[in-house]
Every structure is written in structure tokens, then in C-alpha cells.
Amino acid sequence: MTALQPEITALVARQQRLAEGIAAEARHQMDPAEGPIEQAFMQMACDHPEACTCPGDTQ
């Protein structure tokens, strides 16, 4: 099982990157009428910087 560990780790990391990309695309495609929901996503990103970055971050 330890011989497969690098492949498993890579697959998990890839899945996490894909999930983050899908979430970002979903936010990008939101209807403008759903502005309050988009604002909530942005606030969540600011409240949880370890998972997201805020507009204007210089990182």
C-alpha cells in the first residue's frame, strides 16, 4: 500500500484543485440578480482566508 501513497496523494490534490476551480467558475457564472449571494461568497472568502483570497490581496 505504501507504494501507492504518492499516486493517492496526487489524486487527492488534483480532486481538491478541480473542486476549487468548479466553485470559482460557479461564482463567476452567477446571475447578476444574485448579487447578494455573490457578496456572501466574497465575505466568506474574507472570513476564511486560509481557504480563499480576497480581491485586492497582494499575495
N, C-alpha and C. Protein backbone atom coordinates (compact mmCIF):
# COMPACT_ATOMS: atom_id res chain seq x y z
N MET A 1 0.82 -1.20 0.00
CA MET A 1 0.00 0.00 0.00
C MET A 1 0.86 1.26 0.00
N THR A 2 2.00 1.25 0.63
CA THR A 2 2.83 2.44 0.69
C THR A 2 3.38 2.81 -0.68
N ALA A 3 3.51 1.85 -1.59
CA ALA A 3 3.98 2.15 -2.94
C ALA A 3 2.97 3.00 -3.70
N LEU A 4 1.71 2.91 -3.34
CA LEU A 4 0.65 3.67 -4.00
C LEU A 4 0.41 5.03 -3.35
N GLN A 5 1.01 5.27 -2.22
CA GLN A 5 0.75 6.51 -1.48
C GLN A 5 1.00 7.78 -2.31
N PRO A 6 2.10 7.89 -3.06
CA PRO A 6 2.30 9.11 -3.86
C PRO A 6 1.19 9.32 -4.89
N GLU A 7 0.75 8.23 -5.54
CA GLU A 7 -0.33 8.35 -6.52
C GLU A 7 -1.64 8.76 -5.87
N ILE A 8 -1.92 8.21 -4.70
CA ILE A 8 -3.14 8.56 -3.97
C ILE A 8 -3.10 10.03 -3.55
N THR A 9 -1.97 10.46 -3.03
CA THR A 9 -1.81 11.85 -2.62
C THR A 9 -2.00 12.79 -3.81
N ALA A 10 -1.43 12.44 -4.96
CA ALA A 10 -1.56 13.27 -6.16
C ALA A 10 -3.01 13.33 -6.62
N LEU A 11 -3.72 12.21 -6.58
CA LEU A 11 -5.12 12.18 -6.98
C LEU A 11 -5.99 13.03 -6.05
N VAL A 12 -5.73 12.96 -4.77
CA VAL A 12 -6.49 13.77 -3.81
C VAL A 12 -6.22 15.25 -4.05
N ALA A 13 -4.98 15.61 -4.26
CA ALA A 13 -4.64 17.01 -4.51
C ALA A 13 -5.29 17.49 -5.80
N ARG A 14 -5.30 16.65 -6.84
CA ARG A 14 -5.93 17.01 -8.11
C ARG A 14 -7.43 17.21 -7.92
N GLN A 15 -8.07 16.34 -7.18
CA GLN A 15 -9.51 16.46 -6.93
C GLN A 15 -9.81 17.76 -6.19
N GLN A 16 -8.98 18.13 -5.23
CA GLN A 16 -9.20 19.37 -4.49
C GLN A 16 -9.05 20.59 -5.39
N ARG A 17 -8.05 20.56 -6.28
CA ARG A 17 -7.87 21.68 -7.22
C ARG A 17 -9.06 21.79 -8.16
N LEU A 18 -9.54 20.65 -8.65
CA LEU A 18 -10.70 20.66 -9.54
C LEU A 18 -11.93 21.20 -8.83
N ALA A 19 -12.16 20.78 -7.59
CA ALA A 19 -13.31 21.26 -6.83
C ALA A 19 -13.23 22.76 -6.61
N GLU A 20 -12.05 23.28 -6.31
CA GLU A 20 -11.88 24.72 -6.12
C GLU A 20 -12.14 25.47 -7.42
N GLY A 21 -11.67 24.91 -8.54
CA GLY A 21 -11.90 25.54 -9.84
C GLY A 21 -13.36 25.56 -10.22
N ILE A 22 -14.06 24.47 -9.94
CA ILE A 22 -15.50 24.39 -10.23
C ILE A 22 -16.26 25.41 -9.39
N ALA A 23 -15.90 25.54 -8.13
CA ALA A 23 -16.56 26.52 -7.26
C ALA A 23 -16.30 27.94 -7.75
N ALA A 24 -15.09 28.23 -8.17
CA ALA A 24 -14.77 29.56 -8.68
C ALA A 24 -15.54 29.84 -9.96
N GLU A 25 -15.64 28.86 -10.85
CA GLU A 25 -16.39 29.04 -12.09
C GLU A 25 -17.88 29.25 -11.80
N ALA A 26 -18.39 28.52 -10.84
CA ALA A 26 -19.80 28.68 -10.48
C ALA A 26 -20.06 30.10 -9.97
N ARG A 27 -19.15 30.63 -9.17
CA ARG A 27 -19.32 32.01 -8.69
C ARG A 27 -19.24 32.99 -9.85
N HIS A 28 -18.37 32.71 -10.80
CA HIS A 28 -18.19 33.60 -11.94
C HIS A 28 -19.43 33.63 -12.83
N GLN A 29 -20.12 32.51 -12.93
CA GLN A 29 -21.27 32.39 -13.82
C GLN A 29 -22.59 32.82 -13.19
N MET A 30 -22.55 33.32 -11.96
CA MET A 30 -23.78 33.68 -11.26
C MET A 30 -24.53 34.78 -11.99
N ASP A 31 -25.83 34.73 -11.92
CA ASP A 31 -26.70 35.75 -12.49
C ASP A 31 -26.51 37.06 -11.72
N PRO A 32 -26.43 38.20 -12.42
CA PRO A 32 -26.25 39.47 -11.72
C PRO A 32 -27.34 39.77 -10.69
N ALA A 33 -28.53 39.21 -10.91
CA ALA A 33 -29.62 39.42 -9.95
C ALA A 33 -29.33 38.75 -8.62
N GLU A 34 -28.34 37.88 -8.61
CA GLU A 34 -27.98 37.17 -7.38
C GLU A 34 -26.79 37.85 -6.69
N GLY A 35 -26.69 39.15 -6.85
CA GLY A 35 -25.60 39.91 -6.25
C GLY A 35 -25.41 39.68 -4.76
N PRO A 36 -26.50 39.64 -3.96
CA PRO A 36 -26.31 39.39 -2.53
C PRO A 36 -25.66 38.04 -2.23
N ILE A 37 -25.96 37.05 -3.05
CA ILE A 37 -25.35 35.73 -2.84
C ILE A 37 -23.87 35.80 -3.18
N GLU A 38 -23.55 36.49 -4.28
CA GLU A 38 -22.14 36.64 -4.65
C GLU A 38 -21.38 37.40 -3.56
N GLN A 39 -22.02 38.42 -3.01
CA GLN A 39 -21.39 39.17 -1.92
C GLN A 39 -21.14 38.26 -0.71
N ALA A 40 -22.08 37.36 -0.46
CA ALA A 40 -21.90 36.41 0.66
C ALA A 40 -20.69 35.51 0.40
N PHE A 41 -20.50 35.06 -0.85
CA PHE A 41 -19.33 34.26 -1.18
C PHE A 41 -18.05 35.05 -0.92
N MET A 42 -18.05 36.31 -1.35
CA MET A 42 -16.87 37.13 -1.15
C MET A 42 -16.59 37.34 0.34
N GLN A 43 -17.64 37.54 1.11
CA GLN A 43 -17.45 37.72 2.55
C GLN A 43 -16.91 36.44 3.19
N MET A 44 -17.41 35.30 2.73
CA MET A 44 -16.93 34.03 3.25
C MET A 44 -15.45 33.87 2.95
N ALA A 45 -15.03 34.29 1.74
CA ALA A 45 -13.62 34.21 1.38
C ALA A 45 -12.78 35.09 2.31
N CYS A 46 -13.31 36.27 2.65
CA CYS A 46 -12.58 37.17 3.55
C CYS A 46 -12.55 36.63 4.98
N ASP A 47 -13.63 35.96 5.38
CA ASP A 47 -13.70 35.42 6.73
C ASP A 47 -12.84 34.17 6.90
N HIS A 48 -12.53 33.49 5.79
CA HIS A 48 -11.75 32.25 5.83
C HIS A 48 -10.57 32.35 4.87
N PRO A 49 -9.62 33.21 5.16
CA PRO A 49 -8.52 33.44 4.22
C PRO A 49 -7.64 32.21 3.99
N GLU A 50 -7.71 31.26 4.89
CA GLU A 50 -6.89 30.06 4.69
C GLU A 50 -7.41 29.23 3.52
N ALA A 51 -8.67 29.43 3.12
CA ALA A 51 -9.25 28.67 2.02
C ALA A 51 -9.39 29.50 0.75
N CYS A 52 -9.40 30.82 0.87
CA CYS A 52 -9.65 31.69 -0.28
C CYS A 52 -8.79 32.95 -0.17
N THR A 53 -8.81 33.73 -1.23
CA THR A 53 -8.17 35.04 -1.18
C THR A 53 -9.20 36.10 -1.49
N CYS A 54 -9.00 37.28 -0.98
CA CYS A 54 -9.93 38.39 -1.18
C CYS A 54 -9.45 39.27 -2.32
N PRO A 55 -10.39 39.94 -3.01
CA PRO A 55 -9.94 40.91 -4.02
C PRO A 55 -9.03 41.94 -3.37
N GLY A 56 -7.97 42.25 -4.04
CA GLY A 56 -7.03 43.22 -3.50
C GLY A 56 -5.90 42.62 -2.69
N ASP A 57 -5.92 41.33 -2.46
CA ASP A 57 -4.81 40.69 -1.75
C ASP A 57 -3.55 40.81 -2.60
N THR A 58 -2.44 41.01 -1.96
CA THR A 58 -1.18 41.19 -2.68
C THR A 58 -0.32 39.93 -2.67
N GLN A 59 -0.89 38.81 -2.37
CA GLN A 59 -0.11 37.57 -2.30
C GLN A 59 0.27 37.07 -3.66
